[in-house]
Amino acid sequence: MDENQTTTPDTPQLSIADLQNVRAVIDMAVRRGAFSAAEATSVGQVFDRVNNFLNAVAPQEPATADEAQAGETE
């Protein structure tokens, strides 16, 4: 290592994909009954916050051809 180089610790980072995985894990755990009734409110609040954030910042999935056609016939 060059003595003139400074080393900085890597800053922890989260990506949108990481948060999407967190949302999926919470959803799966709830569906499988991993939380007690007393925990349901706080788990739901965390899920809602993550979900709302992702809906605001993540690009929306483009509609598939089937979905586009269904929208046209309604």
Protein backbone atom coordinates (compact mmCIF):
# COMPACT_ATOMS: atom_id res chain seq x y z
CA MET A 1 0.00 0.00 0.00
CA ASP A 2 1.25 3.46 -0.84
CA GLU A 3 1.92 5.51 2.29
CA ASN A 4 0.23 8.54 0.72
CA GLN A 5 -3.08 6.72 0.35
CA THR A 6 -5.51 7.10 3.17
CA THR A 7 -7.75 4.25 4.07
CA THR A 8 -11.34 4.95 4.91
CA PRO A 9 -13.69 2.33 6.20
CA ASP A 10 -16.42 1.30 3.80
CA THR A 11 -19.63 3.13 4.53
CA PRO A 12 -22.55 0.74 4.95
CA GLN A 13 -25.04 1.11 2.12
CA LEU A 14 -28.55 -0.06 1.35
CA SER A 15 -29.96 -0.31 -2.13
CA ILE A 16 -33.54 -0.25 -3.35
CA ALA A 17 -33.19 -3.99 -4.01
CA ASP A 18 -32.20 -4.53 -0.36
CA LEU A 19 -35.32 -2.72 0.80
CA GLN A 20 -37.47 -4.68 -1.65
CA ASN A 21 -36.05 -7.86 -0.12
CA VAL A 22 -36.85 -6.58 3.40
CA ARG A 23 -40.43 -5.92 2.29
CA ALA A 24 -40.71 -9.43 0.84
CA VAL A 25 -39.28 -11.03 3.98
CA ILE A 26 -41.71 -9.16 6.22
CA ASP A 27 -44.62 -10.12 3.98
CA MET A 28 -43.59 -13.78 3.94
CA ALA A 29 -43.07 -13.90 7.70
CA VAL A 30 -46.50 -12.38 8.35
CA ARG A 31 -48.20 -14.83 5.99
CA ARG A 32 -46.45 -17.71 7.77
CA GLY A 33 -47.56 -16.48 11.20
CA ALA A 34 -44.07 -15.68 12.49
CA PHE A 35 -45.27 -12.77 14.64
CA SER A 36 -47.60 -12.75 17.62
CA ALA A 37 -50.75 -10.66 17.65
CA ALA A 38 -49.07 -8.20 20.01
CA GLU A 39 -46.28 -7.67 17.48
CA ALA A 40 -48.56 -7.31 14.45
CA THR A 41 -49.08 -3.56 14.76
CA SER A 42 -45.40 -2.66 14.94
CA VAL A 43 -44.50 -5.11 12.16
CA GLY A 44 -47.27 -3.67 10.00
CA GLN A 45 -46.08 -0.14 10.64
CA VAL A 46 -42.54 -1.01 9.56
CA PHE A 47 -43.86 -2.78 6.47
CA ASP A 48 -46.01 0.24 5.59
CA ARG A 49 -43.06 2.64 5.96
CA VAL A 50 -40.78 0.50 3.78
CA ASN A 51 -43.54 -0.07 1.24
CA ASN A 52 -44.48 3.62 1.04
CA PHE A 53 -40.83 4.60 0.62
CA LEU A 54 -40.31 2.05 -2.15
CA ASN A 55 -43.48 3.13 -3.93
CA ALA A 56 -42.23 6.72 -3.84
CA VAL A 57 -38.66 6.12 -5.01
CA ALA A 58 -38.56 2.89 -6.98
CA PRO A 59 -39.48 2.99 -10.64
CA GLN A 60 -42.80 1.34 -11.24
CA GLU A 61 -42.81 -1.91 -13.19
CA PRO A 62 -44.04 -1.34 -16.73
CA ALA A 63 -47.40 -2.93 -17.44
CA THR A 64 -47.24 -6.21 -19.31
CA ALA A 65 -49.01 -6.56 -22.65
CA ASP A 66 -51.81 -8.54 -20.96
CA GLU A 67 -52.37 -5.83 -18.35
CA ALA A 68 -52.36 -3.13 -21.01
CA GLN A 69 -54.97 -4.99 -23.05
CA ALA A 70 -57.13 -5.59 -19.97
CA GLY A 71 -57.06 -1.85 -19.24
CA GLU A 72 -58.17 -1.06 -22.78
CA THR A 73 -61.22 -3.33 -22.64
CA GLU A 74 -62.59 -1.94 -19.38
